[in-house]
PDB file of N, CA and C in Angstrom:
ATOM      1  N   UNK A   1       0.832  -1.183   0.000  1.00  0.00           N
ATOM      2  CA  UNK A   1       0.000   0.000   0.000  1.00  0.00           C
ATOM      3  C   UNK A   1       0.873   1.241   0.000  1.00  0.00           C
ATOM      4  N   UNK A   2       0.337   2.290  -0.542  1.00  0.00           N
ATOM      5  CA  UNK A   2       1.074   3.545  -0.618  1.00  0.00           C
ATOM      6  C   UNK A   2       1.040   4.259   0.729  1.00  0.00           C
ATOM      7  N   UNK A   3       2.101   4.960   1.018  1.00  0.00           N
ATOM      8  CA  UNK A   3       2.163   5.744   2.253  1.00  0.00           C
ATOM      9  C   UNK A   3       1.391   7.052   2.059  1.00  0.00           C
ATOM     10  N   UNK A   4       1.318   7.870   3.089  1.00  0.00           N
ATOM     11  CA  UNK A   4       0.599   9.136   3.022  1.00  0.00           C
ATOM     12  C   UNK A   4       1.245  10.128   2.074  1.00  0.00           C
ATOM     13  N   UNK A   5       2.573  10.168   2.068  1.00  0.00           N
ATOM     14  CA  UNK A   5       3.280  11.104   1.180  1.00  0.00           C
ATOM     15  C   UNK A   5       3.975  10.301   0.093  1.00  0.00           C
ATOM     16  N   UNK A   6       3.559  10.485  -1.138  1.00  0.00           N
ATOM     17  CA  UNK A   6       4.187   9.779  -2.257  1.00  0.00           C
ATOM     18  C   UNK A   6       5.556  10.356  -2.532  1.00  0.00           C
ATOM     19  N   UNK A   7       6.430   9.526  -3.094  1.00  0.00           N
ATOM     20  CA  UNK A   7       7.783   9.980  -3.414  1.00  0.00           C
ATOM     21  C   UNK A   7       7.760  10.871  -4.650  1.00  0.00           C
ATOM     22  N   UNK A   8       7.015  10.456  -5.684  1.00  0.00           N
ATOM     23  CA  UNK A   8       6.918  11.259  -6.902  1.00  0.00           C
ATOM     24  C   UNK A   8       5.681  12.152  -6.807  1.00  0.00           C
ATOM     25  N   UNK A   9       5.889  13.442  -7.030  1.00  0.00           N
ATOM     26  CA  UNK A   9       4.789  14.410  -6.961  1.00  0.00           C
ATOM     27  C   UNK A   9       4.712  15.190  -8.260  1.00  0.00           C
ATOM     28  N   UNK A  10       3.505  15.626  -8.606  1.00  0.00           N
ATOM     29  CA  UNK A  10       3.296  16.468  -9.777  1.00  0.00           C
ATOM     30  C   UNK A  10       3.477  17.918  -9.361  1.00  0.00           C
ATOM     31  N   UNK A  11       4.297  18.646 -10.131  1.00  0.00           N
ATOM     32  CA  UNK A  11       4.574  20.052  -9.816  1.00  0.00           C
ATOM     33  C   UNK A  11       4.271  20.910 -11.031  1.00  0.00           C
ATOM     34  N   UNK A  12       4.140  22.208 -10.810  1.00  0.00           N
ATOM     35  CA  UNK A  12       3.940  23.167 -11.886  1.00  0.00           C
ATOM     36  C   UNK A  12       5.184  24.027 -12.044  1.00  0.00           C
ATOM     37  N   UNK A  13       5.526  24.351 -13.282  1.00  0.00           N
ATOM     38  CA  UNK A  13       6.658  25.224 -13.580  1.00  0.00           C
ATOM     39  C   UNK A  13       6.123  26.482 -14.246  1.00  0.00           C
ATOM     40  N   UNK A  14       6.614  27.649 -13.821  1.00  0.00           N
ATOM     41  CA  UNK A  14       6.150  28.932 -14.354  1.00  0.00           C
ATOM     42  C   UNK A  14       7.337  29.760 -14.805  1.00  0.00           C
ATOM     43  N   UNK A  15       7.192  30.447 -15.941  1.00  0.00           N
ATOM     44  CA  UNK A  15       8.246  31.300 -16.486  1.00  0.00           C
ATOM     45  C   UNK A  15       8.495  32.470 -15.537  1.00  0.00           C
ATOM     46  N   UNK A  16       9.747  32.693 -15.165  1.00  0.00           N
ATOM     47  CA  UNK A  16      10.042  33.772 -14.220  1.00  0.00           C
ATOM     48  C   UNK A  16      10.021  35.130 -14.912  1.00  0.00           C
ATOM     49  N   UNK A  17      10.294  35.188 -16.209  1.00  0.00           N
ATOM     50  CA  UNK A  17      10.249  36.465 -16.929  1.00  0.00           C
ATOM     51  C   UNK A  17       8.808  36.959 -17.086  1.00  0.00           C
ATOM     52  N   UNK A  18       7.888  36.079 -17.422  1.00  0.00           N
ATOM     53  CA  UNK A  18       6.480  36.464 -17.575  1.00  0.00           C
ATOM     54  C   UNK A  18       5.873  36.826 -16.236  1.00  0.00           C
ATOM     55  N   UNK A  19       6.230  36.109 -15.189  1.00  0.00           N
ATOM     56  CA  UNK A  19       5.685  36.389 -13.860  1.00  0.00           C
ATOM     57  C   UNK A  19       6.160  37.748 -13.361  1.00  0.00           C
ATOM     58  N   UNK A  20       7.384  38.128 -13.704  1.00  0.00           N
ATOM     59  CA  UNK A  20       7.943  39.409 -13.285  1.00  0.00           C
ATOM     60  C   UNK A  20       7.280  40.561 -14.036  1.00  0.00           C
ATOM     61  N   UNK A  21       6.974  40.373 -15.338  1.00  0.00           N
ATOM     62  CA  UNK A  21       6.403  41.430 -16.173  1.00  0.00           C
ATOM     63  C   UNK A  21       4.881  41.523 -16.046  1.00  0.00           C
ATOM     64  N   UNK A  22       4.285  40.731 -15.228  1.00  0.00           N
ATOM     65  CA  UNK A  22       2.833  40.674 -15.159  1.00  0.00           C
ATOM     66  C   UNK A  22       2.189  41.945 -14.652  1.00  0.00           C
ATOM     67  N   UNK A  23       2.885  42.741 -13.847  1.00  0.00           N
ATOM     68  CA  UNK A  23       2.303  43.945 -13.281  1.00  0.00           C
ATOM     69  C   UNK A  23       2.167  45.087 -14.268  1.00  0.00           C
ATOM     70  N   UNK A  24       2.751  44.981 -15.453  1.00  0.00           N
ATOM     71  CA  UNK A  24       2.711  46.056 -16.438  1.00  0.00           C
ATOM     72  C   UNK A  24       1.341  46.248 -17.049  1.00  0.00           C
ATOM     73  N   UNK A  25       1.218  47.240 -17.919  1.00  0.00           N
ATOM     74  CA  UNK A  25      -0.045  47.557 -18.534  1.00  0.00           C
ATOM     75  C   UNK A  25      -0.478  46.559 -19.583  1.00  0.00           C
ATOM     76  N   UNK A  26       0.472  45.973 -20.302  1.00  0.00           N
ATOM     77  CA  UNK A  26       0.133  45.028 -21.359  1.00  0.00           C
ATOM     78  C   UNK A  26      -0.253  43.686 -20.749  1.00  0.00           C
ATOM     79  N   UNK A  27      -1.403  43.161 -21.123  1.00  0.00           N
ATOM     80  CA  UNK A  27      -1.883  41.889 -20.578  1.00  0.00           C
ATOM     81  C   UNK A  27      -1.392  40.741 -21.455  1.00  0.00           C
ATOM     82  N   UNK A  28      -0.555  39.912 -20.863  1.00  0.00           N
ATOM     83  CA  UNK A  28      -0.086  38.707 -21.543  1.00  0.00           C
ATOM     84  C   UNK A  28      -0.268  37.542 -20.600  1.00  0.00           C
ATOM     85  N   UNK A  29      -0.164  36.359 -21.121  1.00  0.00           N
ATOM     86  CA  UNK A  29      -0.291  35.172 -20.287  1.00  0.00           C
ATOM     87  C   UNK A  29       1.029  34.827 -19.616  1.00  0.00           C
ATOM     88  N   UNK A  30       0.997  33.760 -18.853  1.00  0.00           N
ATOM     89  CA  UNK A  30       2.179  33.246 -18.195  1.00  0.00           C
ATOM     90  C   UNK A  30       2.363  31.813 -18.646  1.00  0.00           C
ATOM     91  N   UNK A  31       3.560  31.499 -19.125  1.00  0.00           N
ATOM     92  CA  UNK A  31       3.856  30.156 -19.601  1.00  0.00           C
ATOM     93  C   UNK A  31       3.968  29.209 -18.413  1.00  0.00           C
ATOM     94  N   UNK A  32       3.215  28.097 -18.463  1.00  0.00           N
ATOM     95  CA  UNK A  32       3.253  27.107 -17.388  1.00  0.00           C
ATOM     96  C   UNK A  32       3.377  25.709 -17.959  1.00  0.00           C
ATOM     97  N   UNK A  33       4.162  24.886 -17.303  1.00  0.00           N
ATOM     98  CA  UNK A  33       4.335  23.479 -17.637  1.00  0.00           C
ATOM     99  C   UNK A  33       4.056  22.654 -16.394  1.00  0.00           C
ATOM    100  N   UNK A  34       3.690  21.397 -16.580  1.00  0.00           N
ATOM    101  CA  UNK A  34       3.580  20.463 -15.460  1.00  0.00           C
ATOM    102  C   UNK A  34       4.552  19.325 -15.692  1.00  0.00           C
ATOM    103  N   UNK A  35       5.115  18.817 -14.606  1.00  0.00           N
ATOM    104  CA  UNK A  35       6.051  17.710 -14.666  1.00  0.00           C
ATOM    105  C   UNK A  35       6.024  16.996 -13.328  1.00  0.00           C
ATOM    106  N   UNK A  36       6.827  15.955 -13.202  1.00  0.00           N
ATOM    107  CA  UNK A  36       6.932  15.228 -11.949  1.00  0.00           C
ATOM    108  C   UNK A  36       8.357  15.289 -11.450  1.00  0.00           C
ATOM    109  N   UNK A  37       8.504  15.222 -10.128  1.00  0.00           N
ATOM    110  CA  UNK A  37       9.837  15.168  -9.554  1.00  0.00           C
ATOM    111  C   UNK A  37       9.834  14.186  -8.396  1.00  0.00           C
ATOM    112  N   UNK A  38      11.012  13.671  -8.101  1.00  0.00           N
ATOM    113  CA  UNK A  38      11.190  12.770  -6.979  1.00  0.00           C
ATOM    114  C   UNK A  38      11.513  13.610  -5.757  1.00  0.00           C
ATOM    115  N   UNK A  39      10.658  13.540  -4.754  1.00  0.00           N
ATOM    116  CA  UNK A  39      10.806  14.380  -3.566  1.00  0.00           C
ATOM    117  C   UNK A  39      12.082  14.045  -2.781  1.00  0.00           C
ATOM    118  N   UNK A  40      12.500  12.793  -2.787  1.00  0.00           N
ATOM    119  CA  UNK A  40      13.712  12.402  -2.044  1.00  0.00           C
ATOM    120  C   UNK A  40      14.986  12.912  -2.714  1.00  0.00           C
ATOM    121  N   UNK A  41      15.065  12.821  -4.035  1.00  0.00           N
ATOM    122  CA  UNK A  41      16.276  13.229  -4.752  1.00  0.00           C
ATOM    123  C   UNK A  41      16.370  14.734  -4.939  1.00  0.00           C
ATOM    124  N   UNK A  42      15.240  15.425  -5.041  1.00  0.00           N
ATOM    125  CA  UNK A  42      15.220  16.862  -5.295  1.00  0.00           C
ATOM    126  C   UNK A  42      14.311  17.549  -4.278  1.00  0.00           C
ATOM    127  N   UNK A  43      14.777  17.782  -3.057  1.00  0.00           N
ATOM    128  CA  UNK A  43      13.914  18.421  -2.060  1.00  0.00           C
ATOM    129  C   UNK A  43      13.757  19.930  -2.271  1.00  0.00           C
ATOM    130  N   UNK A  44      14.679  20.557  -3.003  1.00  0.00           N
ATOM    131  CA  UNK A  44      14.600  21.997  -3.236  1.00  0.00           C
ATOM    132  C   UNK A  44      13.703  22.282  -4.435  1.00  0.00           C
ATOM    133  N   UNK A  45      13.438  23.573  -4.654  1.00  0.00           N
ATOM    134  CA  UNK A  45      12.601  23.967  -5.793  1.00  0.00           C
ATOM    135  C   UNK A  45      13.335  23.694  -7.106  1.00  0.00           C
ATOM    136  N   UNK A  46      12.611  23.155  -8.064  1.00  0.00           N
ATOM    137  CA  UNK A  46      13.172  22.766  -9.348  1.00  0.00           C
ATOM    138  C   UNK A  46      13.165  23.952 -10.303  1.00  0.00           C
ATOM    139  N   UNK A  47      14.233  24.107 -11.077  1.00  0.00           N
ATOM    140  CA  UNK A  47      14.325  25.132 -12.125  1.00  0.00           C
ATOM    141  C   UNK A  47      14.792  24.458 -13.404  1.00  0.00           C
ATOM    142  N   UNK A  48      14.017  24.612 -14.469  1.00  0.00           N
ATOM    143  CA  UNK A  48      14.361  24.037 -15.766  1.00  0.00           C
ATOM    144  C   UNK A  48      14.270  25.112 -16.836  1.00  0.00           C
ATOM    145  N   UNK A  49      15.068  24.962 -17.871  1.00  0.00           N
ATOM    146  CA  UNK A  49      15.020  25.880 -18.997  1.00  0.00           C
ATOM    147  C   UNK A  49      14.058  25.312 -20.036  1.00  0.00           C
ATOM    148  N   UNK A  50      12.932  26.015 -20.251  1.00  0.00           N
ATOM    149  CA  UNK A  50      11.889  25.573 -21.165  1.00  0.00           C
ATOM    150  C   UNK A  50      11.551  26.714 -22.122  1.00  0.00           C
ATOM    151  N   UNK A  51      10.817  26.390 -23.201  1.00  0.00           N
ATOM    152  CA  UNK A  51      10.417  27.411 -24.166  1.00  0.00           C
ATOM    153  C   UNK A  51       9.167  28.129 -23.684  1.00  0.00           C
ATOM    154  N   UNK A  52       9.204  29.453 -23.709  1.00  0.00           N
ATOM    155  CA  UNK A  52       8.058  30.285 -23.336  1.00  0.00           C
ATOM    156  C   UNK A  52       7.465  30.871 -24.617  1.00  0.00           C
ATOM    157  N   UNK A  53       6.199  30.577 -24.878  1.00  0.00           N
ATOM    158  CA  UNK A  53       5.568  31.059 -26.115  1.00  0.00           C
ATOM    159  C   UNK A  53       5.239  32.552 -26.030  1.00  0.00           C
ATOM    160  N   UNK A  54       5.183  33.139 -24.827  1.00  0.00           N
ATOM    161  CA  UNK A  54       4.909  34.564 -24.678  1.00  0.00           C
ATOM    162  C   UNK A  54       6.179  35.396 -24.845  1.00  0.00           C
ATOM    163  N   UNK A  55       7.302  34.894 -24.324  1.00  0.00           N
ATOM    164  CA  UNK A  55       8.588  35.579 -24.496  1.00  0.00           C
ATOM    165  C   UNK A  55       9.228  35.208 -25.826  1.00  0.00           C
ATOM    166  N   UNK A  56       8.773  34.102 -26.418  1.00  0.00           N
ATOM    167  CA  UNK A  56       9.270  33.588 -27.693  1.00  0.00           C
ATOM    168  C   UNK A  56      10.762  33.224 -27.619  1.00  0.00           C
ATOM    169  N   UNK A  57      11.169  32.660 -26.483  1.00  0.00           N
ATOM    170  CA  UNK A  57      12.547  32.206 -26.307  1.00  0.00           C
ATOM    171  C   UNK A  57      12.598  31.217 -25.148  1.00  0.00           C
ATOM    172  N   UNK A  58      13.732  30.563 -24.987  1.00  0.00           N
ATOM    173  CA  UNK A  58      13.933  29.643 -23.874  1.00  0.00           C
ATOM    174  C   UNK A  58      14.271  30.451 -22.620  1.00  0.00           C
ATOM    175  N   UNK A  59      13.498  30.244 -21.555  1.00  0.00           N
ATOM    176  CA  UNK A  59      13.696  30.956 -20.304  1.00  0.00           C
ATOM    177  C   UNK A  59      13.681  29.954 -19.159  1.00  0.00           C
ATOM    178  N   UNK A  60      14.048  30.422 -17.984  1.00  0.00           N
ATOM    179  CA  UNK A  60      14.034  29.578 -16.794  1.00  0.00           C
ATOM    180  C   UNK A  60      12.613  29.519 -16.251  1.00  0.00           C
ATOM    181  N   UNK A  61      12.146  28.312 -16.004  1.00  0.00           N
ATOM    182  CA  UNK A  61      10.834  28.077 -15.409  1.00  0.00           C
ATOM    183  C   UNK A  61      11.075  27.515 -14.007  1.00  0.00           C
ATOM    184  N   UNK A  62      10.456  28.134 -13.007  1.00  0.00           N
ATOM    185  CA  UNK A  62      10.661  27.762 -11.608  1.00  0.00           C
ATOM    186  C   UNK A  62       9.425  27.067 -11.058  1.00  0.00           C
ATOM    187  N   UNK A  63       9.648  26.152 -10.143  1.00  0.00           N
ATOM    188  CA  UNK A  63       8.552  25.415  -9.513  1.00  0.00           C
ATOM    189  C   UNK A  63       7.653  26.348  -8.705  1.00  0.00           C
ATOM    190  N   UNK A  64       6.330  26.140  -8.854  1.00  0.00           N
ATOM    191  CA  UNK A  64       5.359  26.936  -8.104  1.00  0.00           C
ATOM    192  C   UNK A  64       4.494  26.001  -7.271  1.00  0.00           C
ATOM    193  N   UNK A  65       3.780  26.561  -6.294  1.00  0.00           N
ATOM    194  CA  UNK A  65       2.851  25.767  -5.512  1.00  0.00           C
ATOM    195  C   UNK A  65       1.613  25.493  -6.336  1.00  0.00           C
ATOM    196  N   UNK A  66       1.036  24.332  -6.158  1.00  0.00           N
ATOM    197  CA  UNK A  66      -0.188  23.970  -6.877  1.00  0.00           C
ATOM    198  C   UNK A  66      -1.364  23.975  -5.970  1.00  0.00           C
TER     199      UNK A  66
END
């Protein structure tokens, strides 16, 4: 049987450039991805370089709370 806290969890990744520019006057979306990580091997927040369709380039996407 599975324990209360699973080892692999589903996390969300958000573009840090879009999240920073969100307060401006121009309304754009925020690029988000979902992935899984192993909680034992990676206890810190995950950062991956992914393509952002709003920035139109590869940017760093940081783990967010779901």
